[in-house]
Amino acid sequence: MTGYRSDVPENWFIDPVNLGVPGVRRVEPDDDSTLAWQTDALCSQTDPEAFFPEKGGSTRDAKRICSTCDVRGECLEYALNNDERFGIWGGLSERERRKLKRQAS
């Protein structure tokens, strides 16, 4: 397949159609789905390649999208709790997430 990138995890995306319409369904405190926040994630409505740039590639577009996302905190928390090694999560690169974890220790 042309354009296939092996460093992008296959399961990074959950189809918002299967979970509800993005921006309409809000996560309730008693919602038992740990990934329910993804229904409101702006990245689910954009090009996934922006969030998994080539090594040395620009993260600017992904971070700009993250900066206005309503679920940025949940996304970052998920990435930190699950030790995500690739991509932009919660507006931070993998290197920035590692640095944040070191500072918190």
C-alpha atoms as a PDB file:
ATOM      1  CA  MET A   1       0.000   0.000   0.000  1.00  0.00           C
ATOM      2  CA  THR A   2       1.435   3.384  -0.959  1.00  0.00           C
ATOM      3  CA  GLY A   3       1.986   5.755   1.944  1.00  0.00           C
ATOM      4  CA  TYR A   4       1.812   3.024   4.583  1.00  0.00           C
ATOM      5  CA  ARG A   5       3.842   3.908   7.637  1.00  0.00           C
ATOM      6  CA  SER A   6       4.977   1.024   9.812  1.00  0.00           C
ATOM      7  CA  ASP A   7       5.535   3.210  12.890  1.00  0.00           C
ATOM      8  CA  VAL A   8       1.836   4.103  13.186  1.00  0.00           C
ATOM      9  CA  PRO A   9       0.061   1.699  15.544  1.00  0.00           C
ATOM     10  CA  GLU A  10      -2.837  -0.047  13.796  1.00  0.00           C
ATOM     11  CA  ASN A  11      -5.185   0.402  16.738  1.00  0.00           C
ATOM     12  CA  TRP A  12      -4.586   4.108  17.445  1.00  0.00           C
ATOM     13  CA  PHE A  13      -7.977   5.166  16.091  1.00  0.00           C
ATOM     14  CA  ILE A  14     -11.486   4.254  17.119  1.00  0.00           C
ATOM     15  CA  ASP A  15     -14.138   5.119  14.557  1.00  0.00           C
ATOM     16  CA  PRO A  16     -16.375   7.829  16.073  1.00  0.00           C
ATOM     17  CA  VAL A  17     -19.335   6.423  14.126  1.00  0.00           C
ATOM     18  CA  ASN A  18     -19.103   3.291  16.268  1.00  0.00           C
ATOM     19  CA  LEU A  19     -19.000   5.352  19.461  1.00  0.00           C
ATOM     20  CA  GLY A  20     -21.305   8.253  18.571  1.00  0.00           C
ATOM     21  CA  VAL A  21     -21.154  11.484  16.629  1.00  0.00           C
ATOM     22  CA  PRO A  22     -18.062  13.567  17.525  1.00  0.00           C
ATOM     23  CA  GLY A  23     -18.903  16.581  19.650  1.00  0.00           C
ATOM     24  CA  VAL A  24     -22.428  15.412  20.406  1.00  0.00           C
ATOM     25  CA  ARG A  25     -21.941  12.621  22.904  1.00  0.00           C
ATOM     26  CA  ARG A  26     -20.332  13.834  26.097  1.00  0.00           C
ATOM     27  CA  VAL A  27     -18.615  11.417  28.461  1.00  0.00           C
ATOM     28  CA  GLU A  28     -20.578  10.957  31.651  1.00  0.00           C
ATOM     29  CA  PRO A  29     -18.681  10.472  34.935  1.00  0.00           C
ATOM     30  CA  ASP A  30     -20.110   6.955  35.293  1.00  0.00           C
ATOM     31  CA  ASP A  31     -19.150   5.962  31.728  1.00  0.00           C
ATOM     32  CA  ASP A  32     -17.107   2.773  32.054  1.00  0.00           C
ATOM     33  CA  SER A  33     -15.405   3.113  28.665  1.00  0.00           C
ATOM     34  CA  THR A  34     -11.843   4.347  29.174  1.00  0.00           C
ATOM     35  CA  LEU A  35     -11.648   5.474  25.533  1.00  0.00           C
ATOM     36  CA  ALA A  36     -15.014   7.257  25.337  1.00  0.00           C
ATOM     37  CA  TRP A  37     -13.192  10.612  25.231  1.00  0.00           C
ATOM     38  CA  GLN A  38     -12.052   9.750  21.705  1.00  0.00           C
ATOM     39  CA  THR A  39     -15.533  10.532  20.361  1.00  0.00           C
ATOM     40  CA  ASP A  40     -14.822  14.222  21.005  1.00  0.00           C
ATOM     41  CA  ALA A  41     -11.170  14.199  19.931  1.00  0.00           C
ATOM     42  CA  LEU A  42     -10.405  16.540  17.044  1.00  0.00           C
ATOM     43  CA  CYS A  43      -7.743  14.137  15.769  1.00  0.00           C
ATOM     44  CA  SER A  44     -10.464  11.601  14.972  1.00  0.00           C
ATOM     45  CA  GLN A  45     -11.769  14.083  12.399  1.00  0.00           C
ATOM     46  CA  THR A  46      -8.422  14.850  10.725  1.00  0.00           C
ATOM     47  CA  ASP A  47      -5.551  13.203   8.875  1.00  0.00           C
ATOM     48  CA  PRO A  48      -3.894  10.654  11.201  1.00  0.00           C
ATOM     49  CA  GLU A  49      -0.499  11.100   9.530  1.00  0.00           C
ATOM     50  CA  ALA A  50      -0.211  14.561  11.104  1.00  0.00           C
ATOM     51  CA  PHE A  51      -0.142  12.861  14.526  1.00  0.00           C
ATOM     52  CA  PHE A  52       2.497  10.303  13.545  1.00  0.00           C
ATOM     53  CA  PRO A  53       5.124  12.304  11.613  1.00  0.00           C
ATOM     54  CA  GLU A  54       8.240  10.731  10.176  1.00  0.00           C
ATOM     55  CA  LYS A  55      11.285  10.855  12.441  1.00  0.00           C
ATOM     56  CA  GLY A  56      12.468  14.457  12.421  1.00  0.00           C
ATOM     57  CA  GLY A  57       9.210  15.580  10.770  1.00  0.00           C
ATOM     58  CA  SER A  58       7.157  18.539  11.898  1.00  0.00           C
ATOM     59  CA  THR A  59       4.690  18.182  14.756  1.00  0.00           C
ATOM     60  CA  ARG A  60       3.330  21.704  14.273  1.00  0.00           C
ATOM     61  CA  ASP A  61       0.029  20.753  12.571  1.00  0.00           C
ATOM     62  CA  ALA A  62      -0.848  18.093  15.131  1.00  0.00           C
ATOM     63  CA  LYS A  63      -0.003  20.352  18.058  1.00  0.00           C
ATOM     64  CA  ARG A  64      -2.095  23.162  16.579  1.00  0.00           C
ATOM     65  CA  ILE A  65      -5.085  20.801  16.381  1.00  0.00           C
ATOM     66  CA  CYS A  66      -4.458  19.562  19.937  1.00  0.00           C
ATOM     67  CA  SER A  67      -4.308  23.108  21.286  1.00  0.00           C
ATOM     68  CA  THR A  68      -8.035  23.594  20.632  1.00  0.00           C
ATOM     69  CA  CYS A  69      -9.208  20.068  21.483  1.00  0.00           C
ATOM     70  CA  ASP A  70     -11.695  19.677  24.342  1.00  0.00           C
ATOM     71  CA  VAL A  71     -10.274  16.306  25.415  1.00  0.00           C
ATOM     72  CA  ARG A  72      -6.571  17.166  25.320  1.00  0.00           C
ATOM     73  CA  GLY A  73      -6.148  16.355  29.025  1.00  0.00           C
ATOM     74  CA  GLU A  74      -7.800  12.951  28.737  1.00  0.00           C
ATOM     75  CA  CYS A  75      -5.689  12.177  25.691  1.00  0.00           C
ATOM     76  CA  LEU A  76      -2.443  13.084  27.443  1.00  0.00           C
ATOM     77  CA  GLU A  77      -3.451  11.130  30.542  1.00  0.00           C
ATOM     78  CA  TYR A  78      -4.180   8.079  28.386  1.00  0.00           C
ATOM     79  CA  ALA A  79      -0.797   8.340  26.640  1.00  0.00           C
ATOM     80  CA  LEU A  80       1.082   8.686  29.923  1.00  0.00           C
ATOM     81  CA  ASN A  81      -0.807   5.832  31.608  1.00  0.00           C
ATOM     82  CA  ASN A  82      -0.321   3.534  28.618  1.00  0.00           C
ATOM     83  CA  ASP A  83       3.272   4.482  27.848  1.00  0.00           C
ATOM     84  CA  GLU A  84       2.481   5.501  24.268  1.00  0.00           C
ATOM     85  CA  ARG A  85       5.797   5.561  22.397  1.00  0.00           C
ATOM     86  CA  PHE A  86       4.679   7.003  19.067  1.00  0.00           C
ATOM     87  CA  GLY A  87       2.806  10.047  17.911  1.00  0.00           C
ATOM     88  CA  ILE A  88       1.411  13.251  19.322  1.00  0.00           C
ATOM     89  CA  TRP A  89      -0.937  12.696  22.252  1.00  0.00           C
ATOM     90  CA  GLY A  90      -2.466  15.521  24.267  1.00  0.00           C
ATOM     91  CA  GLY A  91      -0.353  17.993  22.342  1.00  0.00           C
ATOM     92  CA  LEU A  92       2.977  16.447  23.348  1.00  0.00           C
ATOM     93  CA  SER A  93       5.506  14.384  21.434  1.00  0.00           C
ATOM     94  CA  GLU A  94       6.944  11.179  22.835  1.00  0.00           C
ATOM     95  CA  ARG A  95      10.081  13.054  23.907  1.00  0.00           C
ATOM     96  CA  GLU A  96       8.002  15.734  25.662  1.00  0.00           C
ATOM     97  CA  ARG A  97       5.940  13.058  27.436  1.00  0.00           C
ATOM     98  CA  ARG A  98       9.124  11.328  28.651  1.00  0.00           C
ATOM     99  CA  LYS A  99      10.410  14.650  29.996  1.00  0.00           C
ATOM    100  CA  LEU A 100       7.076  15.302  31.741  1.00  0.00           C
ATOM    101  CA  LYS A 101       7.201  11.846  33.364  1.00  0.00           C
ATOM    102  CA  ARG A 102      10.773  12.439  34.582  1.00  0.00           C
ATOM    103  CA  GLN A 103       9.783  15.788  36.090  1.00  0.00           C
ATOM    104  CA  ALA A 104       6.850  14.169  37.873  1.00  0.00           C
ATOM    105  CA  SER A 105       9.044  11.474  39.431  1.00  0.00           C
END
